Protein backbone atom coordinates (compact mmCIF):
# COMPACT_ATOMS: atom_id res chain seq x y z
CA UNK A 1 0.00 0.00 0.00
CA UNK A 2 2.84 2.36 0.89
CA UNK A 3 4.52 1.55 -2.43
CA UNK A 4 1.32 2.36 -4.34
CA UNK A 5 0.99 5.63 -2.42
CA UNK A 6 4.60 6.50 -3.27
CA UNK A 7 4.07 5.78 -6.98
CA UNK A 8 0.85 7.84 -7.10
CA UNK A 9 2.54 10.80 -5.39
CA UNK A 10 5.57 10.49 -7.69
CA UNK A 11 3.40 10.46 -10.82
CA UNK A 12 1.28 13.32 -9.51
CA UNK A 13 4.37 15.36 -8.71
CA UNK A 14 5.83 14.58 -12.14
CA UNK A 15 2.56 15.67 -13.77
CA UNK A 16 2.61 18.98 -11.90
CA UNK A 17 6.30 19.45 -12.75
CA UNK A 18 5.69 18.91 -16.48
CA UNK A 19 2.55 21.05 -16.49
CA UNK A 20 4.32 23.88 -14.66
CA UNK A 21 7.29 23.70 -17.03
CA UNK A 22 4.95 23.75 -20.04
CA UNK A 23 2.94 26.69 -18.65
CA UNK A 24 6.10 28.64 -17.87
CA UNK A 25 7.48 27.95 -21.36
CA UNK A 26 4.23 28.99 -23.07
CA UNK A 27 4.13 32.17 -21.00
CA UNK A 28 7.71 33.04 -21.90
CA UNK A 29 7.09 32.24 -25.56
CA UNK A 30 3.94 34.38 -25.78
CA UNK A 31 5.59 37.23 -23.86
CA UNK A 32 8.53 37.13 -26.26
CA UNK A 33 6.09 37.18 -29.22
CA UNK A 34 7.55 38.65 -32.39
CA UNK A 35 11.05 38.81 -30.87
CA UNK A 36 11.09 35.02 -30.72
CA UNK A 37 9.74 34.92 -34.27
CA UNK A 38 12.65 37.02 -35.49
CA UNK A 39 15.41 35.01 -33.82
CA UNK A 40 15.51 32.28 -36.47
CA UNK A 41 15.02 34.79 -39.30
CA UNK A 42 18.39 36.36 -38.40
CA UNK A 43 20.20 33.05 -38.17
CA UNK A 44 23.40 32.92 -40.22
CA UNK A 45 25.88 30.20 -41.04
CA UNK A 46 28.06 31.44 -38.16
CA UNK A 47 28.14 28.46 -35.73
CA UNK A 48 28.60 30.69 -32.67
CA UNK A 49 25.40 32.57 -33.53
CA UNK A 50 23.70 29.24 -34.14
CA UNK A 51 24.65 28.02 -30.65
CA UNK A 52 23.43 31.28 -29.10
CA UNK A 53 20.16 31.03 -31.06
CA UNK A 54 19.55 27.47 -29.88
CA UNK A 55 20.36 28.39 -26.28
CA UNK A 56 18.07 31.44 -26.19
CA UNK A 57 15.11 29.75 -27.89
CA UNK A 58 15.35 26.67 -25.65
CA UNK A 59 15.67 28.82 -22.53
CA UNK A 60 12.45 30.56 -23.57
CA UNK A 61 10.35 27.55 -24.55
CA UNK A 62 11.87 25.31 -21.84
CA UNK A 63 12.34 22.30 -24.09
CA UNK A 64 15.32 21.20 -26.15
CA UNK A 65 13.10 18.55 -27.75
CA UNK A 66 10.73 21.26 -29.04
CA UNK A 67 13.67 23.29 -30.38
CA UNK A 68 15.15 20.25 -32.12
CA UNK A 69 11.75 19.39 -33.60
CA UNK A 70 11.62 22.96 -34.95
CA UNK A 71 15.11 22.53 -36.41
CA UNK A 72 13.97 19.33 -38.16
CA UNK A 73 11.03 21.32 -39.54
CA UNK A 74 13.29 24.15 -40.75
CA UNK A 75 15.68 21.70 -42.42
CA UNK A 76 12.72 19.92 -43.99
CA UNK A 77 11.53 23.29 -45.34
CA UNK A 78 14.97 24.08 -46.75
CA UNK A 79 15.38 27.11 -44.46
CA UNK A 80 18.36 25.69 -42.64
CA UNK A 81 21.21 23.47 -43.76
CA UNK A 82 22.77 20.71 -41.67
CA UNK A 83 25.73 22.91 -40.78
CA UNK A 84 23.42 25.50 -39.21
CA UNK A 85 21.23 22.81 -37.66
CA UNK A 86 24.18 21.26 -35.81
CA UNK A 87 25.06 24.59 -34.14
CA UNK A 88 21.45 25.29 -33.14
CA UNK A 89 21.07 21.77 -31.70
CA UNK A 90 24.23 22.25 -29.63
CA UNK A 91 22.81 25.50 -28.30
CA UNK A 92 19.51 23.78 -27.50
CA UNK A 93 21.40 21.21 -25.47
CA UNK A 94 22.88 24.01 -23.35
CA UNK A 95 19.58 25.89 -23.07
CA UNK A 96 17.73 22.90 -21.66
CA UNK A 97 20.07 22.77 -18.64
CA UNK A 98 18.64 26.08 -17.38
CA UNK A 99 15.54 24.28 -16.08
CA UNK A 100 17.69 21.92 -14.01
CA UNK A 101 19.63 24.89 -12.61
CA UNK A 102 16.42 26.71 -11.66
CA UNK A 103 14.94 23.83 -9.72
CA UNK A 104 18.04 23.47 -7.51
CA UNK A 105 17.54 26.93 -6.04
CA UNK A 106 15.73 26.90 -2.73
CA UNK A 107 12.43 28.27 -4.02
CA UNK A 108 10.41 25.36 -2.62
CA UNK A 109 9.17 27.26 0.42
CA UNK A 110 8.12 30.14 -1.83
CA UNK A 111 6.03 27.98 -4.20
CA UNK A 112 2.70 29.04 -2.56
CA UNK A 113 3.69 32.71 -3.00
CA UNK A 114 4.41 32.17 -6.70
CA UNK A 115 1.08 30.33 -7.03
CA UNK A 116 -0.86 33.12 -5.31
CA UNK A 117 0.78 35.96 -7.28
CA UNK A 118 0.53 34.11 -10.60
CA UNK A 119 -3.13 33.17 -10.07
CA UNK A 120 -4.04 36.78 -9.21
CA UNK A 121 -2.29 38.07 -12.33
CA UNK A 122 -4.07 35.54 -14.55
CA UNK A 123 -7.54 35.81 -12.98
CA UNK A 124 -7.86 39.48 -12.12
CA UNK A 125 -6.32 41.33 -15.07
CA UNK A 126 -7.40 41.81 -18.67
CA UNK A 127 -4.05 42.95 -20.06
CA UNK A 128 -2.49 40.24 -22.23
CA UNK A 129 1.11 41.00 -21.25
CA UNK A 130 0.26 40.86 -17.54
CA UNK A 131 -1.57 37.56 -18.08
CA UNK A 132 1.46 36.09 -19.85
CA UNK A 133 3.76 37.15 -17.00
CA UNK A 134 1.19 35.66 -14.62
CA UNK A 135 1.38 32.35 -16.52
CA UNK A 136 5.17 32.40 -16.15
CA UNK A 137 4.95 33.02 -12.38
CA UNK A 138 2.12 30.48 -11.94
CA UNK A 139 3.99 27.87 -13.98
CA UNK A 140 7.08 28.50 -11.86
CA UNK A 141 5.06 27.85 -8.70
CA UNK A 142 3.41 24.70 -10.08
CA UNK A 143 6.83 23.41 -11.20
CA UNK A 144 8.20 23.70 -7.64
CA UNK A 145 5.00 22.28 -6.17
CA UNK A 146 5.48 19.21 -8.36
CA UNK A 147 9.15 18.98 -7.39
CA UNK A 148 8.20 19.17 -3.68
CA UNK A 149 5.66 16.39 -4.15
CA UNK A 150 8.20 14.21 -5.96
CA UNK A 151 10.85 14.79 -3.29
CA UNK A 152 8.47 14.06 -0.41
CA UNK A 153 7.15 10.91 -2.13
CA UNK A 154 10.72 9.63 -2.54
CA UNK A 155 11.83 10.40 1.02
CA UNK A 156 10.68 6.98 2.38
CA UNK A 157 12.95 5.31 -0.19
CA UNK A 158 15.92 6.40 1.91
CA UNK A 159 14.85 3.83 4.51
CA UNK A 160 14.15 1.09 1.97
CA UNK A 161 16.80 -1.63 1.89
CA UNK A 162 15.60 -2.85 -1.49
CA UNK A 163 15.96 0.59 -3.10
CA UNK A 164 19.31 1.26 -1.41
CA UNK A 165 20.64 -2.10 -2.62
CA UNK A 166 19.39 -1.27 -6.12
CA UNK A 167 21.22 2.07 -6.09
CA UNK A 168 24.38 0.43 -4.72
CA UNK A 169 24.22 -2.17 -7.49
CA UNK A 170 24.54 0.66 -10.04
CA UNK A 171 27.85 1.83 -8.52
CA UNK A 172 30.52 1.31 -11.18
CA UNK A 173 28.04 -0.02 -13.74
CA UNK A 174 28.03 3.07 -15.93
CA UNK A 175 26.66 1.42 -19.10
CA UNK A 176 23.60 0.19 -17.19
CA UNK A 177 23.12 3.68 -15.74
CA UNK A 178 23.28 5.20 -19.22
CA UNK A 179 20.73 2.67 -20.48
CA UNK A 180 18.34 3.44 -17.59
CA UNK A 181 18.64 7.19 -18.25
CA UNK A 182 18.04 6.71 -21.98
CA UNK A 183 14.88 4.65 -21.44
CA UNK A 184 13.60 7.03 -18.75
CA UNK A 185 13.87 10.10 -21.01
CA UNK A 186 12.62 8.26 -24.11
CA UNK A 187 9.44 7.40 -22.18
CA UNK A 188 8.98 10.87 -20.61
CA UNK A 189 9.96 12.69 -23.85
CA UNK A 190 11.71 15.35 -21.76
CA UNK A 191 15.28 15.45 -20.46
CA UNK A 192 14.23 18.27 -18.10
CA UNK A 193 11.62 15.99 -16.52
CA UNK A 194 14.00 13.06 -16.09
CA UNK A 195 16.67 15.40 -14.69
CA UNK A 196 14.00 16.78 -12.36
CA UNK A 197 13.41 13.26 -11.04
CA UNK A 198 17.16 12.84 -10.40
CA UNK A 199 17.22 16.19 -8.55
CA UNK A 200 14.18 15.12 -6.49
CA UNK A 201 15.89 11.81 -5.59
CA UNK A 202 19.03 13.71 -4.58
CA UNK A 203 17.03 16.14 -2.44
CA UNK A 204 15.42 13.14 -0.76
CA UNK A 205 18.92 11.84 0.05
CA UNK A 206 18.59 8.63 -1.98
CA UNK A 207 20.92 9.20 -4.93
CA UNK A 208 24.72 9.62 -4.81
CA UNK A 209 26.45 11.69 -7.53
CA UNK A 210 28.48 8.75 -8.88
CA UNK A 211 25.25 6.90 -9.75
CA UNK A 212 23.42 9.99 -11.00
CA UNK A 213 26.00 11.00 -13.62
CA UNK A 214 25.69 7.87 -15.88
CA UNK A 215 21.89 8.13 -15.70
CA UNK A 216 22.23 11.81 -16.61
CA UNK A 217 24.32 10.89 -19.66
CA UNK A 218 21.57 8.49 -20.70
CA UNK A 219 18.99 11.25 -20.25
CA UNK A 220 20.85 13.29 -22.85
CA UNK A 221 20.67 10.42 -25.36
CA UNK A 222 17.01 9.67 -24.60
CA UNK A 223 15.93 13.21 -25.47
CA UNK A 224 16.88 12.50 -29.12
CA UNK A 225 13.92 10.12 -29.46
CA UNK A 226 11.46 13.02 -29.87
CA UNK A 227 13.41 14.47 -32.80
CA UNK A 228 13.82 11.03 -34.38
CA UNK A 229 10.05 10.46 -34.19
CA UNK A 230 9.37 13.93 -35.62
CA UNK A 231 11.60 13.19 -38.62
CA UNK A 232 9.30 10.38 -39.79
CA UNK A 233 7.73 11.42 -43.09
CA UNK A 234 10.17 14.29 -43.68
CA UNK A 235 12.83 14.79 -46.34
CA UNK A 236 16.10 12.89 -46.20
CA UNK A 237 17.89 16.05 -45.05
CA UNK A 238 15.49 16.48 -42.12
CA UNK A 239 16.14 12.87 -41.10
CA UNK A 240 19.85 13.69 -41.19
CA UNK A 241 19.21 16.61 -38.79
CA UNK A 242 17.56 14.27 -36.27
CA UNK A 243 20.38 11.75 -36.71
CA UNK A 244 22.87 14.59 -36.22
CA UNK A 245 21.28 15.35 -32.84
CA UNK A 246 21.67 11.71 -31.79
CA UNK A 247 25.29 11.61 -33.05
CA UNK A 248 26.25 14.70 -31.02
CA UNK A 249 24.79 13.20 -27.85
CA UNK A 250 26.35 9.76 -28.34
CA UNK A 251 29.81 11.20 -29.07
CA UNK A 252 29.57 13.41 -25.97
CA UNK A 253 28.51 10.46 -23.84
CA UNK A 254 31.40 8.33 -25.13
CA UNK A 255 33.85 11.14 -24.31
CA UNK A 256 32.55 11.35 -20.74
CA UNK A 257 32.56 7.55 -20.36
CA UNK A 258 36.20 7.36 -21.46
CA UNK A 259 37.17 9.77 -18.70
CA UNK A 260 37.38 7.90 -15.35
CA UNK A 261 34.27 8.59 -13.24
CA UNK A 262 36.44 9.75 -10.34
CA UNK A 263 37.81 12.59 -12.52
CA UNK A 264 34.31 13.58 -13.68
CA UNK A 265 32.94 13.65 -10.14
CA UNK A 266 36.03 15.55 -9.04
CA UNK A 267 35.32 18.22 -11.66
CA UNK A 268 31.72 18.52 -10.47
CA UNK A 269 32.74 18.76 -6.82
CA UNK A 270 35.31 21.43 -7.70
CA UNK A 271 32.60 23.76 -9.07
CA UNK A 272 29.75 22.76 -6.73
CA UNK A 273 29.19 23.25 -3.00
CA UNK A 274 29.55 20.19 -0.80
CA UNK A 275 27.57 18.96 2.16
CA UNK A 276 23.89 17.97 2.39
CA UNK A 277 21.31 16.55 0.00
CA UNK A 278 20.66 19.97 -1.57
CA UNK A 279 24.34 20.06 -2.56
CA UNK A 280 23.99 16.74 -4.43
CA UNK A 281 20.99 18.16 -6.29
CA UNK A 282 23.05 21.19 -7.32
CA UNK A 283 25.91 18.93 -8.38
CA UNK A 284 23.55 16.95 -10.64
CA UNK A 285 22.34 20.17 -12.29
CA UNK A 286 25.95 21.32 -12.73
CA UNK A 287 26.89 17.94 -14.22
CA UNK A 288 24.04 18.33 -16.72
CA UNK A 289 25.29 21.79 -17.71
CA UNK A 290 28.95 20.74 -17.74
CA UNK A 291 28.25 17.80 -20.06
CA UNK A 292 26.46 19.92 -22.66
CA UNK A 293 28.82 22.92 -22.47
CA UNK A 294 31.97 20.77 -22.72
CA UNK A 295 30.39 18.66 -25.48
CA UNK A 296 29.60 21.81 -27.47
CA UNK A 297 33.09 23.27 -26.99
CA UNK A 298 34.71 20.01 -28.14
CA UNK A 299 32.45 19.31 -31.12
CA UNK A 300 31.76 22.84 -32.42
CA UNK A 301 35.00 23.00 -34.48
CA UNK A 302 34.15 19.63 -36.04
CA UNK A 303 30.65 20.44 -37.35
CA UNK A 304 31.69 19.84 -40.97
CA UNK A 305 33.03 16.40 -40.03
CA UNK A 306 29.83 15.58 -38.10
CA UNK A 307 27.74 16.53 -41.13
CA UNK A 308 29.98 14.44 -43.41
CA UNK A 309 29.63 11.49 -40.99
CA UNK A 310 25.82 11.76 -41.00
CA UNK A 311 25.81 12.00 -44.80
CA UNK A 312 27.70 8.71 -44.92
CA UNK A 313 25.30 7.08 -42.46
CA UNK A 314 22.30 8.26 -44.47
CA UNK A 315 23.49 8.77 -48.06
CA UNK A 316 21.33 10.26 -50.76
CA UNK A 317 20.43 13.54 -52.40
CA UNK A 318 18.45 16.19 -50.56
CA UNK A 319 14.76 16.00 -51.23
CA UNK A 320 12.66 19.06 -51.87
CA UNK A 321 9.05 19.29 -52.99
CA UNK A 322 9.01 22.57 -54.91
CA UNK A 323 5.26 22.36 -55.43
CA UNK A 324 4.54 22.20 -51.71
CA UNK A 325 5.19 24.27 -48.63
CA UNK A 326 8.75 25.43 -48.01
CA UNK A 327 8.61 27.61 -44.94
CA UNK A 328 5.95 26.03 -42.73
CA UNK A 329 5.64 22.60 -41.22
CA UNK A 330 3.19 21.15 -38.70
CA UNK A 331 6.14 20.72 -36.31
CA UNK A 332 6.36 24.51 -36.05
CA UNK A 333 2.95 24.61 -34.39
CA UNK A 334 4.82 23.65 -31.20
CA UNK A 335 5.92 27.30 -31.16
CA UNK A 336 3.06 29.38 -32.64
CA UNK A 337 5.02 32.67 -32.61
CA UNK A 338 7.62 31.19 -34.98
CA UNK A 339 4.95 29.37 -37.01
CA UNK A 340 3.18 32.71 -37.53
CA UNK A 341 6.34 34.34 -38.88
CA UNK A 342 7.07 31.43 -41.19
CA UNK A 343 3.50 31.51 -42.50
CA UNK A 344 4.08 35.13 -43.49
CA UNK A 345 7.17 34.02 -45.43
CA UNK A 346 5.18 31.26 -47.13
CA UNK A 347 2.46 33.70 -48.22
CA UNK A 348 5.12 36.07 -49.57
CA UNK A 349 6.58 33.16 -51.55
CA UNK A 350 3.13 32.41 -52.99
CA UNK A 351 2.67 36.09 -53.90
CA UNK A 352 6.06 36.18 -55.64
CA UNK A 353 5.08 33.07 -57.60
CA UNK A 354 1.84 34.79 -58.69
CA UNK A 355 3.78 37.95 -59.69
CA UNK A 356 6.22 35.83 -61.70
CA UNK A 357 3.32 34.11 -63.45
CA UNK A 358 1.70 37.44 -64.33
CA UNK A 359 4.94 38.61 -65.95
CA UNK A 360 5.35 35.29 -67.80
CA UNK A 361 1.79 35.45 -69.14
CA UNK A 362 2.22 39.00 -70.45
CA UNK A 363 5.59 38.15 -72.04
CA UNK A 364 3.96 35.11 -73.63
CA UNK A 365 1.17 37.32 -75.03
CA UNK A 366 3.56 39.94 -76.42
CA UNK A 367 5.79 37.33 -78.10
CA UNK A 368 3.14 34.68 -78.87
CA UNK A 369 5.34 32.17 -77.01
CA UNK A 370 3.77 28.73 -76.50
CA UNK A 371 6.57 27.50 -74.21
CA UNK A 372 5.92 30.36 -71.76
CA UNK A 373 2.22 29.45 -71.79
CA UNK A 374 3.10 25.95 -70.56
CA UNK A 375 5.33 27.48 -67.85
CA UNK A 376 2.39 29.64 -66.69
CA UNK A 377 0.18 26.56 -66.41
CA UNK A 378 2.85 24.72 -64.40
CA UNK A 379 3.22 27.65 -62.01
CA UNK A 380 -0.55 27.92 -61.64
CA UNK A 381 -0.62 24.32 -60.39
CA UNK A 382 1.98 25.25 -57.72
CA UNK A 383 -0.05 28.34 -56.73
CA UNK A 384 -3.18 26.20 -56.33
CA UNK A 385 -1.31 23.68 -54.18
CA UNK A 386 0.10 26.50 -52.03
CA UNK A 387 -3.38 27.98 -51.68
CA UNK A 388 -4.72 24.69 -50.37
CA UNK A 389 -1.77 23.90 -48.09
CA UNK A 390 -1.39 27.40 -46.63
CA UNK A 391 -5.12 27.63 -45.93
CA UNK A 392 -5.02 24.26 -44.19
CA UNK A 393 -2.04 25.39 -42.09
CA UNK A 394 -3.75 28.69 -41.23
CA UNK A 395 -6.73 26.75 -39.86
CA UNK A 396 -4.40 24.85 -37.53
CA UNK A 397 -2.48 28.00 -36.62
CA UNK A 398 -5.68 29.88 -35.76
CA UNK A 399 -6.44 27.20 -33.14
CA UNK A 400 -3.04 27.55 -31.46
CA UNK A 401 -1.88 29.88 -28.66
CA UNK A 402 -1.40 33.23 -30.41
CA UNK A 403 -1.70 36.81 -29.22
CA UNK A 404 -4.89 38.69 -30.14
CA UNK A 405 -2.99 40.76 -32.69
CA UNK A 406 -1.57 37.65 -34.34
CA UNK A 407 -5.00 35.96 -34.38
CA UNK A 408 -6.43 38.99 -36.17
CA UNK A 409 -3.60 38.81 -38.70
CA UNK A 410 -4.23 35.10 -39.28
CA UNK A 411 -7.88 35.94 -40.01
CA UNK A 412 -6.75 38.51 -42.58
CA UNK A 413 -4.21 36.05 -44.02
CA UNK A 414 -7.05 33.84 -45.28
CA UNK A 415 -8.25 36.75 -47.46
CA UNK A 416 -4.71 37.57 -48.63
CA UNK A 417 -4.11 33.97 -49.74
CA UNK A 418 -7.41 34.04 -51.64
CA UNK A 419 -6.46 37.32 -53.36
CA UNK A 420 -3.09 35.88 -54.39
CA UNK A 421 -4.79 32.78 -55.76
CA UNK A 422 -7.13 35.00 -57.81
CA UNK A 423 -4.12 36.90 -59.22
CA UNK A 424 -2.76 33.52 -60.31
CA UNK A 425 -6.09 32.81 -62.01
CA UNK A 426 -5.92 36.10 -63.91
CA UNK A 427 -2.39 35.24 -65.09
CA UNK A 428 -3.78 31.90 -66.32
CA UNK A 429 -6.60 33.77 -68.09
CA UNK A 430 -4.01 35.88 -69.92
CA UNK A 431 -2.22 32.65 -70.94
CA UNK A 432 -5.53 31.34 -72.28
CA UNK A 433 -5.95 34.55 -74.28
CA UNK A 434 -2.42 34.07 -75.63
CA UNK A 435 -3.33 30.54 -76.78
CA UNK A 436 -6.36 32.00 -78.55
CA UNK A 437 -4.18 34.64 -80.21
CA UNK A 438 -1.74 31.97 -81.46
CA UNK A 439 -4.36 29.45 -82.61
CA UNK A 440 -6.42 32.09 -84.49
CA UNK A 441 -3.28 33.93 -85.70
CA UNK A 442 -4.62 37.23 -84.39
CA UNK A 443 -2.61 40.36 -85.15
CA UNK A 444 -2.36 42.99 -82.42
CA UNK A 445 -1.51 46.52 -83.53
CA UNK A 446 1.63 48.20 -82.19
CA UNK A 447 -0.56 50.91 -80.65
CA UNK A 448 -2.60 48.32 -78.74
CA UNK A 449 0.53 46.48 -77.56
CA UNK A 450 2.05 49.72 -76.25
CA UNK A 451 -1.15 50.48 -74.35
CA UNK A 452 -1.09 46.99 -72.83
CA UNK A 453 2.57 47.36 -71.83
CA UNK A 454 1.82 50.66 -70.14
CA UNK A 455 -1.10 49.29 -68.16
CA UNK A 456 0.87 46.16 -67.30
CA UNK A 457 3.70 48.35 -65.92
CA UNK A 458 1.31 50.02 -63.47
CA UNK A 459 -0.26 46.66 -62.57
CA UNK A 460 3.06 44.98 -61.76
CA UNK A 461 4.18 48.04 -59.78
CA UNK A 462 1.00 47.84 -57.72
CA UNK A 463 1.45 44.10 -57.15
CA UNK A 464 5.13 44.43 -56.20
CA UNK A 465 4.37 47.28 -53.80
CA UNK A 466 1.47 45.36 -52.23
CA UNK A 467 3.84 42.45 -51.54
CA UNK A 468 6.27 44.90 -49.93
CA UNK A 469 3.41 46.31 -47.81
CA UNK A 470 2.56 42.82 -46.62
CA UNK A 471 6.20 42.03 -45.95
CA UNK A 472 7.10 45.26 -44.15
CA UNK A 473 3.73 46.43 -42.76
CA UNK A 474 4.38 49.83 -44.36
CA UNK A 475 1.32 52.14 -44.27
CA UNK A 476 3.03 54.71 -46.51
CA UNK A 477 3.25 52.16 -49.31
CA UNK A 478 -0.42 51.30 -48.85
CA UNK A 479 -1.25 54.83 -49.98
CA UNK A 480 1.03 54.40 -53.01
CA UNK A 481 -0.70 51.14 -53.96
CA UNK A 482 -4.04 52.93 -53.66
CA UNK A 483 -2.83 55.65 -56.02
CA UNK A 484 -1.58 53.05 -58.51
CA UNK A 485 -4.86 51.16 -58.34
CA UNK A 486 -6.79 54.36 -59.07
CA UNK A 487 -4.49 54.98 -62.05
CA UNK A 488 -5.11 51.41 -63.31
CA UNK A 489 -8.89 51.95 -63.12
CA UNK A 490 -8.59 55.16 -65.13
CA UNK A 491 -6.31 53.45 -67.66
CA UNK A 492 -8.77 50.61 -68.14
CA UNK A 493 -11.54 53.08 -69.02
CA UNK A 494 -9.24 55.06 -71.32
CA UNK A 495 -8.03 51.92 -73.09
CA UNK A 496 -11.60 50.74 -73.64
CA UNK A 497 -12.47 54.07 -75.29
CA UNK A 498 -9.24 53.98 -77.32
CA UNK A 499 -9.98 50.47 -78.52
CA UNK A 500 -13.53 51.39 -79.51
CA UNK A 501 -12.07 54.16 -81.67
CA UNK A 502 -9.76 51.61 -83.36
CA UNK A 503 -12.72 49.34 -84.02
CA UNK A 504 -14.73 52.18 -85.52
CA UNK A 505 -11.81 53.21 -87.74
CA UNK A 506 -11.27 49.64 -88.95
CA UNK A 507 -7.76 49.33 -87.46
CA UNK A 508 -8.85 46.31 -85.40
CA UNK A 509 -11.43 43.53 -85.87
CA UNK A 510 -14.02 42.32 -83.37
CA UNK A 511 -12.21 39.08 -82.39
CA UNK A 512 -8.99 40.93 -81.55
CA UNK A 513 -11.09 43.54 -79.78
CA UNK A 514 -12.65 40.92 -77.50
CA UNK A 515 -9.21 39.54 -76.59
CA UNK A 516 -7.89 43.05 -75.88
CA UNK A 517 -10.84 43.97 -73.64
CA UNK A 518 -10.59 40.67 -71.73
CA UNK A 519 -6.89 41.25 -71.18
CA UNK A 520 -7.21 44.78 -69.75
CA UNK A 521 -10.10 43.55 -67.59
CA UNK A 522 -7.82 40.88 -66.10
CA UNK A 523 -5.09 43.46 -65.43
CA UNK A 524 -7.62 45.76 -63.74
CA UNK A 525 -8.75 42.89 -61.50
CA UNK A 526 -5.11 42.19 -60.57
CA UNK A 527 -4.90 45.83 -59.46
CA UNK A 528 -7.98 45.34 -57.26
CA UNK A 529 -6.53 42.23 -55.61
CA UNK A 530 -3.21 44.02 -55.09
CA UNK A 531 -5.08 46.78 -53.24
CA UNK A 532 -6.84 44.14 -51.12
CA UNK A 533 -3.47 42.66 -50.10
CA UNK A 534 -1.99 46.05 -49.23
CA UNK A 535 -5.16 47.09 -47.42
CA UNK A 536 -4.81 44.12 -45.06
CA UNK A 537 -2.37 46.03 -42.86
CA UNK A 538 -4.55 49.14 -42.76
CA UNK A 539 -7.45 47.23 -41.15
């Protein structure tokens, strides 16, 4: 009965610990908002910056597994190469040790205060920022409440001969300790949680440092399971990123296993206070940090060799579905702030594809080029696929934890994607008109072609500026798009009147006239959709 009670309390404490850590991470992520979104956008091939990026992001979202899953998603999208991914993963490994360091501080007695303050901030305020800070404080309190419950549930184990004999049997059996740690973290899907259990055992006085370190090394390997699972169904390069994570951890573990355990424990004791169970808990946290910092310092200069090694383990060309999404991935929904930013990039890519198709269709019409017509039709298929996939992703994103401002933007994004898709349709219509011109051998007068070129110039300027408005949220450019759109409307009316005069004078026949009028109508509609896109940021 006592054993059952201990297990229930341990599981309950673990549940509170994980929930508190998740709440604190979500609060930090939402409070960081757009700043977090911009961190990956500024990532360069500089490995030092990559390590710093991984450390900061993981410190904010409180999960190296989530960061690594994001990295797999970025690699799958082609936004990050393996060289960059390795540096970010190393940084994530360092960032995840911050949780272990936090829980060794003597905040246990203050947990009720954190709970009270956090609850008041969440329940009795309407300001979003204050609520997010309240979630951070409340999550912090719940985390320590769970740790207290775990520690108290494990205290009786100190008097258990069976448990003590089990712990003693692990002395000197480092491989078994590593295996136990690996399985523990693979099951929990969180190295922070498994390290939290080790800290709780140490605080209860049931776990010596020499036994904890091998288990801790196993914890670091076990955390790779999440990334490996997330790589299922991704490109070959994304699978390599997950394998790279595992390789880094295994090499680091081997390095630490080669070093005699007495030297490792001596290093920990040299930087950690001694005396008491709390000291052992601090030593475990320091060992966790030391492992990942030393591992990063040793392996950082050899990133190219690590990538080459992974390429040999998993040979093959990089895969990339150009017709599908490039910037977003369902894995990014773990961090909605970053997913929101990447969705913006994906929509911009779709808009650029529509702009390119508009230019191709007009060039095809001017030159009566059948090959360009086929290229327009191919691009239109990609635009339709992007329309479907981005819309589907936006539905998922709208149901995630976003700020009110971001939720409003996501609502507007649905309309923007639809406007871009319609621009693609108008480009396809112009390609259809080109096919008609070629098949019927229609002759367009130089005067009419010059008028079309002039209107097309204003239309493309409006579209390009609307994309810039969407990209930069520039209200000044919105006004410029509005002016261009007004000019396009006037031009369409003028060109209709001009064409009627040509018809009346016999310079143009009725069939050519119908094609001309359809074409300027499509350009005018592109101008309208461009204004809709730019107007999104003014609402």
